[in-house]
Amino acid sequence: MRVRARGWIFLLLLTAVAVLLAKPAARLAYPFPYRESILHYAGQNGLDPLLVLALVRTESKFYPLAESVTGARGLMQIMPETGRWVAGRLREEFDPERLFEPDYNLRLGTWYLAHLIGEFRGSLPAALAAYNGGRHNVEAWLGRGLWDGSTEALDKIPFPETREFVRQVLRDYRVYRFLYREMGR
């Protein structure tokens, strides 16, 4: 009986050590670059910084000079037209080349994400879909009943790229909340 108890204790200790080592290793795959800027701009716009981190990881893999084939730029992959619109709302000058600057990109991108979350009455899946697939498209999908805006019905999102984008951001957000719990809201 004593041998069995020692075996269980050893197994529990081994599991505890594995869990303690797994988190630092997982943080290598899910880093937190631009920490101060993300914390600052997420806080300024009432967003969970871990959500912003998940979006940036999905959009640009933290590469500030990323540019998509459609012209989206920087960490949060902001289209120049969207950047111009956001800068106008923030009453600041707009220069599309500055979208490659991490702080500028994060300032505009976090404001826009917070705006979309508000526009879609707090629905994170709908806001993320709008961030990727366009506000008007998501409004049309919801209005025509093609998608109800829920996580459970992501398969109903008509654009495959947008569907996968929402899934990926939500997946990364769950991972970041586990790995950096102390940094989230």
N, C-alpha and C. Protein backbone atom coordinates (compact mmCIF):
# COMPACT_ATOMS: atom_id res chain seq x y z
N MET A 1 0.82 -1.18 0.00
CA MET A 1 0.00 0.00 0.00
C MET A 1 0.87 1.27 0.00
N ARG A 2 1.96 1.24 0.79
CA ARG A 2 2.85 2.39 0.85
C ARG A 2 3.53 2.65 -0.49
N VAL A 3 3.88 1.62 -1.19
CA VAL A 3 4.53 1.74 -2.49
C VAL A 3 3.58 2.42 -3.47
N ARG A 4 2.32 2.05 -3.45
CA ARG A 4 1.33 2.69 -4.32
C ARG A 4 1.19 4.18 -4.01
N ALA A 5 1.13 4.52 -2.75
CA ALA A 5 0.99 5.92 -2.36
C ALA A 5 2.19 6.72 -2.84
N ARG A 6 3.38 6.14 -2.69
CA ARG A 6 4.59 6.83 -3.17
C ARG A 6 4.53 7.02 -4.69
N GLY A 7 4.01 6.01 -5.38
CA GLY A 7 3.88 6.09 -6.83
C GLY A 7 2.96 7.23 -7.24
N TRP A 8 1.85 7.39 -6.54
CA TRP A 8 0.91 8.48 -6.85
C TRP A 8 1.51 9.83 -6.52
N ILE A 9 2.22 9.91 -5.42
CA ILE A 9 2.86 11.17 -5.06
C ILE A 9 3.90 11.54 -6.11
N PHE A 10 4.70 10.55 -6.53
CA PHE A 10 5.70 10.80 -7.57
C PHE A 10 5.03 11.27 -8.85
N LEU A 11 3.94 10.61 -9.24
CA LEU A 11 3.21 10.99 -10.45
C LEU A 11 2.66 12.41 -10.34
N LEU A 12 2.13 12.77 -9.19
CA LEU A 12 1.61 14.14 -8.98
C LEU A 12 2.74 15.16 -9.06
N LEU A 13 3.87 14.86 -8.45
CA LEU A 13 5.01 15.77 -8.51
C LEU A 13 5.53 15.91 -9.94
N LEU A 14 5.61 14.81 -10.64
CA LEU A 14 6.05 14.84 -12.02
C LEU A 14 5.10 15.67 -12.89
N THR A 15 3.82 15.51 -12.68
CA THR A 15 2.82 16.29 -13.42
C THR A 15 2.97 17.78 -13.10
N ALA A 16 3.16 18.10 -11.83
CA ALA A 16 3.33 19.51 -11.42
C ALA A 16 4.55 20.12 -12.09
N VAL A 17 5.64 19.40 -12.11
CA VAL A 17 6.87 19.90 -12.75
C VAL A 17 6.64 20.10 -14.25
N ALA A 18 5.96 19.14 -14.90
CA ALA A 18 5.68 19.26 -16.33
C ALA A 18 4.83 20.49 -16.62
N VAL A 19 3.83 20.73 -15.80
CA VAL A 19 2.96 21.91 -16.01
C VAL A 19 3.77 23.19 -15.82
N LEU A 20 4.62 23.23 -14.78
CA LEU A 20 5.42 24.43 -14.54
C LEU A 20 6.41 24.71 -15.68
N LEU A 21 6.95 23.65 -16.26
CA LEU A 21 7.89 23.83 -17.38
C LEU A 21 7.18 24.10 -18.70
N ALA A 22 5.96 23.61 -18.83
CA ALA A 22 5.22 23.77 -20.09
C ALA A 22 4.86 25.21 -20.36
N LYS A 23 4.48 25.95 -19.33
CA LYS A 23 4.05 27.33 -19.53
C LYS A 23 5.19 28.19 -20.10
N PRO A 24 6.38 28.17 -19.51
CA PRO A 24 7.47 28.95 -20.12
C PRO A 24 7.80 28.51 -21.54
N ALA A 25 7.74 27.22 -21.80
CA ALA A 25 8.00 26.73 -23.16
C ALA A 25 6.93 27.21 -24.12
N ALA A 26 5.68 27.18 -23.69
CA ALA A 26 4.59 27.63 -24.54
C ALA A 26 4.69 29.13 -24.81
N ARG A 27 5.24 29.88 -23.86
CA ARG A 27 5.40 31.32 -24.07
C ARG A 27 6.40 31.64 -25.18
N LEU A 28 7.26 30.68 -25.51
CA LEU A 28 8.15 30.88 -26.65
C LEU A 28 7.37 30.87 -27.95
N ALA A 29 6.35 30.04 -28.04
CA ALA A 29 5.51 29.97 -29.23
C ALA A 29 4.47 31.09 -29.25
N TYR A 30 4.13 31.59 -28.07
CA TYR A 30 3.13 32.66 -27.93
C TYR A 30 3.77 33.81 -27.15
N PRO A 31 4.66 34.54 -27.79
CA PRO A 31 5.36 35.62 -27.08
C PRO A 31 4.47 36.85 -26.87
N PHE A 32 5.00 37.80 -26.15
CA PHE A 32 4.28 39.05 -25.86
C PHE A 32 5.18 40.23 -26.23
N PRO A 33 5.51 40.39 -27.53
CA PRO A 33 6.31 41.54 -27.93
C PRO A 33 5.45 42.82 -27.91
N TYR A 34 6.12 43.94 -27.96
CA TYR A 34 5.44 45.25 -27.94
C TYR A 34 4.56 45.38 -26.69
N ARG A 35 5.01 44.76 -25.60
CA ARG A 35 4.21 44.68 -24.37
C ARG A 35 3.73 46.05 -23.89
N GLU A 36 4.64 46.99 -23.74
CA GLU A 36 4.25 48.31 -23.20
C GLU A 36 3.25 49.01 -24.11
N SER A 37 3.49 48.97 -25.40
CA SER A 37 2.57 49.64 -26.35
C SER A 37 1.21 48.96 -26.37
N ILE A 38 1.20 47.64 -26.38
CA ILE A 38 -0.08 46.92 -26.40
C ILE A 38 -0.84 47.19 -25.11
N LEU A 39 -0.16 47.14 -23.96
CA LEU A 39 -0.83 47.43 -22.69
C LEU A 39 -1.39 48.85 -22.69
N HIS A 40 -0.60 49.79 -23.19
CA HIS A 40 -1.02 51.20 -23.20
C HIS A 40 -2.25 51.42 -24.09
N TYR A 41 -2.17 51.02 -25.35
CA TYR A 41 -3.26 51.31 -26.29
C TYR A 41 -4.50 50.45 -26.03
N ALA A 42 -4.30 49.21 -25.59
CA ALA A 42 -5.46 48.39 -25.21
C ALA A 42 -6.17 49.04 -24.03
N GLY A 43 -5.41 49.45 -23.03
CA GLY A 43 -6.00 50.11 -21.86
C GLY A 43 -6.71 51.40 -22.22
N GLN A 44 -6.10 52.18 -23.09
CA GLN A 44 -6.67 53.45 -23.53
C GLN A 44 -8.02 53.24 -24.22
N ASN A 45 -8.20 52.08 -24.85
CA ASN A 45 -9.43 51.83 -25.60
C ASN A 45 -10.34 50.79 -24.94
N GLY A 46 -10.04 50.44 -23.69
CA GLY A 46 -10.90 49.54 -22.94
C GLY A 46 -10.89 48.10 -23.44
N LEU A 47 -9.78 47.69 -24.02
CA LEU A 47 -9.66 46.33 -24.55
C LEU A 47 -8.77 45.47 -23.66
N ASP A 48 -9.01 44.18 -23.68
CA ASP A 48 -8.11 43.24 -23.03
C ASP A 48 -6.83 43.20 -23.87
N PRO A 49 -5.67 43.49 -23.29
CA PRO A 49 -4.44 43.46 -24.08
C PRO A 49 -4.16 42.09 -24.68
N LEU A 50 -4.67 41.04 -24.05
CA LEU A 50 -4.44 39.69 -24.58
C LEU A 50 -5.24 39.44 -25.84
N LEU A 51 -6.39 40.11 -25.97
CA LEU A 51 -7.15 40.06 -27.22
C LEU A 51 -6.36 40.76 -28.33
N VAL A 52 -5.82 41.91 -28.04
CA VAL A 52 -5.02 42.64 -29.02
C VAL A 52 -3.82 41.80 -29.43
N LEU A 53 -3.18 41.19 -28.46
CA LEU A 53 -2.03 40.34 -28.73
C LEU A 53 -2.41 39.19 -29.67
N ALA A 54 -3.55 38.55 -29.41
CA ALA A 54 -4.01 37.45 -30.26
C ALA A 54 -4.29 37.94 -31.68
N LEU A 55 -4.88 39.12 -31.80
CA LEU A 55 -5.18 39.66 -33.12
C LEU A 55 -3.88 39.98 -33.87
N VAL A 56 -2.93 40.60 -33.19
CA VAL A 56 -1.66 40.93 -33.83
C VAL A 56 -0.92 39.66 -34.26
N ARG A 57 -0.93 38.65 -33.41
CA ARG A 57 -0.26 37.39 -33.76
C ARG A 57 -0.88 36.80 -35.02
N THR A 58 -2.21 36.84 -35.10
CA THR A 58 -2.91 36.28 -36.26
C THR A 58 -2.68 37.13 -37.50
N GLU A 59 -2.74 38.43 -37.36
CA GLU A 59 -2.64 39.32 -38.52
C GLU A 59 -1.23 39.40 -39.11
N SER A 60 -0.22 39.58 -38.27
CA SER A 60 1.11 39.88 -38.80
C SER A 60 2.24 39.03 -38.22
N LYS A 61 1.90 38.17 -37.29
CA LYS A 61 2.95 37.39 -36.59
C LYS A 61 4.00 38.32 -35.98
N PHE A 62 3.55 39.52 -35.59
CA PHE A 62 4.37 40.54 -34.91
C PHE A 62 5.41 41.20 -35.82
N TYR A 63 5.24 41.06 -37.11
CA TYR A 63 6.17 41.69 -38.05
C TYR A 63 5.62 43.07 -38.41
N PRO A 64 6.27 44.15 -37.96
CA PRO A 64 5.72 45.49 -38.16
C PRO A 64 5.68 45.96 -39.60
N LEU A 65 6.47 45.35 -40.47
CA LEU A 65 6.50 45.76 -41.88
C LEU A 65 5.63 44.87 -42.76
N ALA A 66 4.78 44.06 -42.14
CA ALA A 66 3.90 43.17 -42.90
C ALA A 66 2.98 43.98 -43.80
N GLU A 67 2.78 43.47 -45.01
CA GLU A 67 1.83 44.10 -45.94
C GLU A 67 1.15 42.98 -46.72
N SER A 68 -0.18 43.00 -46.69
CA SER A 68 -0.94 41.94 -47.38
C SER A 68 -1.04 42.26 -48.86
N VAL A 69 -1.50 41.29 -49.63
CA VAL A 69 -1.67 41.49 -51.07
C VAL A 69 -2.75 42.53 -51.34
N THR A 70 -3.66 42.75 -50.38
CA THR A 70 -4.71 43.77 -50.56
C THR A 70 -4.27 45.14 -50.07
N GLY A 71 -3.07 45.21 -49.44
CA GLY A 71 -2.55 46.50 -49.01
C GLY A 71 -2.66 46.80 -47.53
N ALA A 72 -3.16 45.86 -46.73
CA ALA A 72 -3.22 46.06 -45.28
C ALA A 72 -1.79 46.10 -44.75
N ARG A 73 -1.58 46.98 -43.75
CA ARG A 73 -0.21 47.24 -43.32
C ARG A 73 0.00 47.12 -41.81
N GLY A 74 1.21 46.71 -41.47
CA GLY A 74 1.68 46.77 -40.09
C GLY A 74 1.17 45.66 -39.20
N LEU A 75 1.42 45.83 -37.91
CA LEU A 75 1.11 44.82 -36.91
C LEU A 75 -0.35 44.38 -36.93
N MET A 76 -1.27 45.34 -37.02
CA MET A 76 -2.69 45.01 -36.97
C MET A 76 -3.32 44.98 -38.35
N GLN A 77 -2.46 45.01 -39.39
CA GLN A 77 -2.90 44.90 -40.78
C GLN A 77 -4.08 45.85 -41.08
N ILE A 78 -3.79 47.13 -41.01
CA ILE A 78 -4.79 48.17 -41.25
C ILE A 78 -4.73 48.60 -42.71
N MET A 79 -5.90 48.61 -43.34
CA MET A 79 -5.99 49.12 -44.71
C MET A 79 -5.81 50.64 -44.66
N PRO A 80 -5.11 51.24 -45.62
CA PRO A 80 -4.93 52.69 -45.60
C PRO A 80 -6.25 53.47 -45.51
N GLU A 81 -7.31 53.01 -46.21
CA GLU A 81 -8.59 53.73 -46.13
C GLU A 81 -9.14 53.70 -44.71
N THR A 82 -9.02 52.55 -44.06
CA THR A 82 -9.49 52.43 -42.67
C THR A 82 -8.64 53.30 -41.77
N GLY A 83 -7.32 53.28 -41.97
CA GLY A 83 -6.43 54.12 -41.17
C GLY A 83 -6.75 55.59 -41.32
N ARG A 84 -7.06 56.02 -42.55
CA ARG A 84 -7.42 57.42 -42.79
C ARG A 84 -8.70 57.77 -42.04
N TRP A 85 -9.69 56.88 -42.09
CA TRP A 85 -10.96 57.10 -41.41
C TRP A 85 -10.76 57.20 -39.89
N VAL A 86 -9.97 56.26 -39.33
CA VAL A 86 -9.72 56.26 -37.89
C VAL A 86 -8.95 57.51 -37.48
N ALA A 87 -7.91 57.85 -38.23
CA ALA A 87 -7.13 59.05 -37.91
C ALA A 87 -8.02 60.29 -37.92
N GLY A 88 -8.95 60.35 -38.88
CA GLY A 88 -9.89 61.47 -38.91
C GLY A 88 -10.76 61.50 -37.67
N ARG A 89 -11.22 60.36 -37.21
CA ARG A 89 -12.03 60.28 -35.99
C ARG A 89 -11.22 60.68 -34.76
N LEU A 90 -9.91 60.40 -34.81
CA LEU A 90 -9.03 60.77 -33.70
C LEU A 90 -8.47 62.18 -33.85
N ARG A 91 -8.84 62.85 -34.94
CA ARG A 91 -8.39 64.22 -35.24
C ARG A 91 -6.87 64.33 -35.29
N GLU A 92 -6.29 63.42 -36.06
CA GLU A 92 -4.85 63.51 -36.25
C GLU A 92 -4.52 63.32 -37.72
N GLU A 93 -3.35 63.78 -38.08
CA GLU A 93 -2.87 63.66 -39.45
C GLU A 93 -2.71 62.17 -39.80
N PHE A 94 -2.90 61.87 -41.07
CA PHE A 94 -2.72 60.49 -41.51
C PHE A 94 -1.65 60.41 -42.58
N ASP A 95 -0.76 59.45 -42.39
CA ASP A 95 0.26 59.15 -43.37
C ASP A 95 0.29 57.62 -43.48
N PRO A 96 -0.08 57.07 -44.65
CA PRO A 96 -0.15 55.60 -44.77
C PRO A 96 1.17 54.90 -44.46
N GLU A 97 2.30 55.58 -44.68
CA GLU A 97 3.60 54.96 -44.38
C GLU A 97 3.78 54.73 -42.88
N ARG A 98 3.11 55.54 -42.07
CA ARG A 98 3.23 55.38 -40.61
C ARG A 98 2.52 54.12 -40.10
N LEU A 99 1.71 53.49 -40.95
CA LEU A 99 1.04 52.25 -40.53
C LEU A 99 2.06 51.15 -40.25
N PHE A 100 3.30 51.33 -40.72
CA PHE A 100 4.36 50.36 -40.44
C PHE A 100 5.04 50.64 -39.10
N GLU A 101 4.72 51.76 -38.46
CA GLU A 101 5.27 52.08 -37.14
C GLU A 101 4.41 51.39 -36.08
N PRO A 102 4.99 50.55 -35.24
CA PRO A 102 4.20 49.80 -34.27
C PRO A 102 3.26 50.65 -33.40
N ASP A 103 3.76 51.72 -32.81
CA ASP A 103 2.90 52.52 -31.93
C ASP A 103 1.73 53.15 -32.69
N TYR A 104 2.00 53.70 -33.84
CA TYR A 104 0.94 54.33 -34.63
C TYR A 104 -0.09 53.29 -35.06
N ASN A 105 0.37 52.14 -35.52
CA ASN A 105 -0.51 51.08 -35.96
C ASN A 105 -1.36 50.58 -34.80
N LEU A 106 -0.74 50.37 -33.65
CA LEU A 106 -1.49 49.90 -32.48
C LEU A 106 -2.50 50.94 -31.99
N ARG A 107 -2.13 52.22 -32.06
CA ARG A 107 -3.06 53.28 -31.64
C ARG A 107 -4.31 53.26 -32.52
N LEU A 108 -4.12 53.22 -33.83
CA LEU A 108 -5.27 53.22 -34.74
C LEU A 108 -6.03 51.90 -34.68
N GLY A 109 -5.30 50.78 -34.67
CA GLY A 109 -5.93 49.47 -34.69
C GLY A 109 -6.74 49.17 -33.44
N THR A 110 -6.22 49.53 -32.27
CA THR A 110 -6.98 49.26 -31.04
C THR A 110 -8.22 50.14 -30.97
N TRP A 111 -8.10 51.38 -31.44
CA TRP A 111 -9.29 52.24 -31.46
C TRP A 111 -10.35 51.63 -32.38
N TYR A 112 -9.92 51.18 -33.54
CA TYR A 112 -10.86 50.61 -34.50
C TYR A 112 -11.51 49.33 -33.97
N LEU A 113 -10.71 48.46 -33.35
CA LEU A 113 -11.28 47.23 -32.79
C LEU A 113 -12.30 47.56 -31.70
N ALA A 114 -11.97 48.49 -30.82
CA ALA A 114 -12.91 48.89 -29.76
C ALA A 114 -14.18 49.47 -30.38
N HIS A 115 -14.03 50.25 -31.44
CA HIS A 115 -15.18 50.83 -32.14
C HIS A 115 -16.08 49.71 -32.70
N LEU A 116 -15.47 48.71 -33.31
CA LEU A 116 -16.25 47.60 -33.87
C LEU A 116 -16.96 46.80 -32.78
N ILE A 117 -16.30 46.57 -31.67
CA ILE A 117 -16.94 45.86 -30.57
C ILE A 117 -18.16 46.63 -30.10
N GLY A 118 -18.04 47.94 -30.01
CA GLY A 118 -19.19 48.77 -29.65
C GLY A 118 -20.27 48.75 -30.71
N GLU A 119 -19.87 48.85 -31.95
CA GLU A 119 -20.83 48.86 -33.06
C GLU A 119 -21.64 47.55 -33.12
N PHE A 120 -20.99 46.44 -32.77
CA PHE A 120 -21.68 45.15 -32.79
C PHE A 120 -22.11 44.73 -31.39
N ARG A 121 -22.42 45.73 -30.58
CA ARG A 121 -23.00 45.56 -29.24
C ARG A 121 -22.28 44.52 -28.39
N GLY A 122 -20.96 44.57 -28.40
CA GLY A 122 -20.16 43.71 -27.54
C GLY A 122 -19.90 42.32 -28.08
N SER A 123 -20.41 42.00 -29.27
CA SER A 123 -20.18 40.66 -29.85
C SER A 123 -18.76 40.58 -30.40
N LEU A 124 -17.90 39.88 -29.68
CA LEU A 124 -16.52 39.75 -30.12
C LEU A 124 -16.41 39.01 -31.46
N PRO A 125 -17.14 37.89 -31.66
CA PRO A 125 -17.04 37.23 -32.98
C PRO A 125 -17.46 38.16 -34.13
N ALA A 126 -18.53 38.90 -33.95
CA ALA A 126 -18.98 39.81 -35.01
C ALA A 126 -17.97 40.93 -35.25
N ALA A 127 -17.41 41.48 -34.17
CA ALA A 127 -16.41 42.55 -34.31
C ALA A 127 -15.16 42.03 -35.03
N LEU A 128 -14.73 40.83 -34.68
CA LEU A 128 -13.55 40.26 -35.35
C LEU A 128 -13.84 39.97 -36.82
N ALA A 129 -15.03 39.48 -37.09
CA ALA A 129 -15.41 39.22 -38.49
C ALA A 129 -15.42 40.54 -39.27
N ALA A 130 -15.91 41.60 -38.66
CA ALA A 130 -15.94 42.91 -39.31
C ALA A 130 -14.52 43.45 -39.50
N TYR A 131 -13.65 43.21 -38.53
CA TYR A 131 -12.27 43.66 -38.63
C TYR A 131 -11.61 43.04 -39.87
N ASN A 132 -11.91 41.78 -40.12
CA ASN A 132 -11.29 41.07 -41.24
C ASN A 132 -12.08 41.20 -42.54
N GLY A 133 -13.39 41.02 -42.47
CA GLY A 133 -14.21 40.93 -43.67
C GLY A 133 -14.98 42.18 -44.03
N GLY A 134 -14.89 43.21 -43.19
CA GLY A 134 -15.58 44.46 -43.46
C GLY A 134 -16.88 44.60 -42.69
N ARG A 135 -17.08 45.79 -42.15
CA ARG A 135 -18.28 46.09 -41.35
C ARG A 135 -19.55 45.86 -42.14
N HIS A 136 -19.58 46.35 -43.35
CA HIS A 136 -20.82 46.27 -44.14
C HIS A 136 -21.17 44.83 -44.49
N ASN A 137 -20.17 44.02 -44.75
CA ASN A 137 -20.44 42.60 -45.02
C ASN A 137 -21.06 41.93 -43.80
N VAL A 138 -20.49 42.17 -42.63
CA VAL A 138 -21.02 41.54 -41.42
C VAL A 138 -22.43 42.04 -41.13
N GLU A 139 -22.66 43.33 -41.30
CA GLU A 139 -24.02 43.87 -41.12
C GLU A 139 -25.01 43.16 -42.05
N ALA A 140 -24.58 42.94 -43.30
CA ALA A 140 -25.46 42.25 -44.27
C ALA A 140 -25.70 40.80 -43.85
N TRP A 141 -24.67 40.09 -43.41
CA TRP A 141 -24.83 38.69 -43.00
C TRP A 141 -25.80 38.59 -41.83
N LEU A 142 -25.62 39.49 -40.88
CA LEU A 142 -26.49 39.47 -39.70
C LEU A 142 -27.92 39.86 -40.09
N GLY A 143 -28.04 40.89 -40.91
CA GLY A 143 -29.35 41.38 -41.32
C GLY A 143 -30.14 40.38 -42.15
N ARG A 144 -29.45 39.61 -42.97
CA ARG A 144 -30.12 38.62 -43.82
C ARG A 144 -30.24 37.26 -43.15
N GLY A 145 -29.73 37.15 -41.91
CA GLY A 145 -29.83 35.89 -41.18
C GLY A 145 -28.88 34.82 -41.66
N LEU A 146 -27.83 35.20 -42.39
CA LEU A 146 -26.85 34.22 -42.85
C LEU A 146 -25.98 33.72 -41.70
N TRP A 147 -25.78 34.58 -40.72
CA TRP A 147 -24.98 34.26 -39.54
C TRP A 147 -25.58 35.02 -38.38
N ASP A 148 -25.61 34.41 -37.19
CA ASP A 148 -26.21 35.07 -36.03
C ASP A 148 -25.19 35.82 -35.17
N GLY A 149 -23.93 35.80 -35.56
CA GLY A 149 -22.90 36.52 -34.82
C GLY A 149 -22.29 35.74 -33.67
N SER A 150 -22.70 34.50 -33.49
CA SER A 150 -22.22 33.71 -32.36
C SER A 150 -20.98 32.89 -32.71
N THR A 151 -20.27 32.52 -31.66
CA THR A 151 -19.11 31.64 -31.81
C THR A 151 -19.55 30.25 -32.27
N GLU A 152 -20.68 29.82 -31.77
CA GLU A 152 -21.18 28.48 -32.10
C GLU A 152 -21.52 28.34 -33.59
N ALA A 153 -21.82 29.43 -34.26
CA ALA A 153 -22.24 29.38 -35.66
C ALA A 153 -21.17 29.94 -36.61
N LEU A 154 -19.90 29.88 -36.22
CA LEU A 154 -18.84 30.43 -37.08
C LEU A 154 -18.84 29.79 -38.46
N ASP A 155 -19.28 28.55 -38.57
CA ASP A 155 -19.33 27.87 -39.87
C ASP A 155 -20.24 28.59 -40.86
N LYS A 156 -21.13 29.43 -40.37
CA LYS A 156 -22.07 30.14 -41.24
C LYS A 156 -21.49 31.42 -41.85
N ILE A 157 -20.30 31.84 -41.39
CA ILE A 157 -19.68 33.03 -41.97
C ILE A 157 -19.38 32.73 -43.44
N PRO A 158 -19.93 33.53 -44.36
CA PRO A 158 -19.79 33.24 -45.79
C PRO A 158 -18.36 33.29 -46.35
N PHE A 159 -17.48 34.10 -45.78
CA PHE A 159 -16.11 34.21 -46.30
C PHE A 159 -15.21 33.23 -45.55
N PRO A 160 -14.64 32.24 -46.24
CA PRO A 160 -13.76 31.27 -45.56
C PRO A 160 -12.59 31.93 -44.83
N GLU A 161 -11.97 32.95 -45.44
CA GLU A 161 -10.84 33.62 -44.80
C GLU A 161 -11.27 34.28 -43.49
N THR A 162 -12.43 34.93 -43.52
CA THR A 162 -12.93 35.59 -42.31
C THR A 162 -13.29 34.57 -41.25
N ARG A 163 -13.92 33.50 -41.66
CA ARG A 163 -14.28 32.42 -40.73
C ARG A 163 -13.03 31.90 -40.01
N GLU A 164 -11.97 31.61 -40.78
CA GLU A 164 -10.74 31.09 -40.18
C GLU A 164 -10.05 32.15 -39.33
N PHE A 165 -10.10 33.41 -39.77
CA PHE A 165 -9.51 34.50 -38.99
C PHE A 165 -10.15 34.58 -37.61
N VAL A 166 -11.46 34.57 -37.56
CA VAL A 166 -12.17 34.66 -36.26
C VAL A 166 -11.80 33.46 -35.39
N ARG A 167 -11.81 32.28 -35.97
CA ARG A 167 -11.44 31.07 -35.21
C ARG A 167 -10.02 31.20 -34.65
N GLN A 168 -9.10 31.64 -35.49
CA GLN A 168 -7.70 31.73 -35.08
C GLN A 168 -7.50 32.76 -33.97
N VAL A 169 -8.11 33.93 -34.11
CA VAL A 169 -7.96 34.95 -33.07
C VAL A 169 -8.55 34.45 -31.75
N LEU A 170 -9.73 33.86 -31.80
CA LEU A 170 -10.35 33.35 -30.57
C LEU A 170 -9.52 32.23 -29.95
N ARG A 171 -8.94 31.37 -30.79
CA ARG A 171 -8.07 30.29 -30.29
C ARG A 171 -6.83 30.88 -29.62
N ASP A 172 -6.18 31.81 -30.31
CA ASP A 172 -4.98 32.43 -29.74
C ASP A 172 -5.32 33.22 -28.47
N TYR A 173 -6.48 33.84 -28.45
CA TYR A 173 -6.92 34.59 -27.27
C TYR A 173 -7.04 33.65 -26.07
N ARG A 174 -7.63 32.48 -26.27
CA ARG A 174 -7.73 31.50 -25.17
C ARG A 174 -6.34 31.10 -24.67
N VAL A 175 -5.42 30.85 -25.61
CA VAL A 175 -4.06 30.46 -25.22
C VAL A 175 -3.39 31.59 -24.46
N TYR A 176 -3.48 32.82 -24.96
CA TYR A 176 -2.85 33.95 -24.28
C TYR A 176 -3.46 34.18 -22.88
N ARG A 177 -4.76 33.97 -22.73
CA ARG A 177 -5.37 34.13 -21.41
C ARG A 177 -4.83 33.08 -20.44
N PHE A 178 -4.52 31.89 -20.93
CA PHE A 178 -3.93 30.87 -20.07
C PHE A 178 -2.48 31.22 -19.73
N LEU A 179 -1.71 31.63 -20.72
CA LEU A 179 -0.28 31.86 -20.52
C LEU A 179 0.06 33.16 -19.80
N TYR A 180 -0.77 34.18 -19.98
CA TYR A 180 -0.48 35.50 -19.43
C TYR A 180 -1.66 36.02 -18.60
N ARG A 181 -2.27 35.15 -17.87
CA ARG A 181 -3.47 35.48 -17.09
C ARG A 181 -3.30 36.78 -16.30
N GLU A 182 -2.10 36.98 -15.76
CA GLU A 182 -1.85 38.15 -14.92
C GLU A 182 -1.88 39.47 -15.70
N MET A 183 -1.78 39.40 -17.04
CA MET A 183 -1.74 40.61 -17.86
C MET A 183 -3.11 41.00 -18.42
N GLY A 184 -4.08 40.11 -18.36
CA GLY A 184 -5.39 40.36 -18.98
C GLY A 184 -6.35 41.10 -18.09
N ARG A 185 -7.54 41.32 -18.66
CA ARG A 185 -8.60 41.98 -17.90
C ARG A 185 -9.63 40.96 -17.51
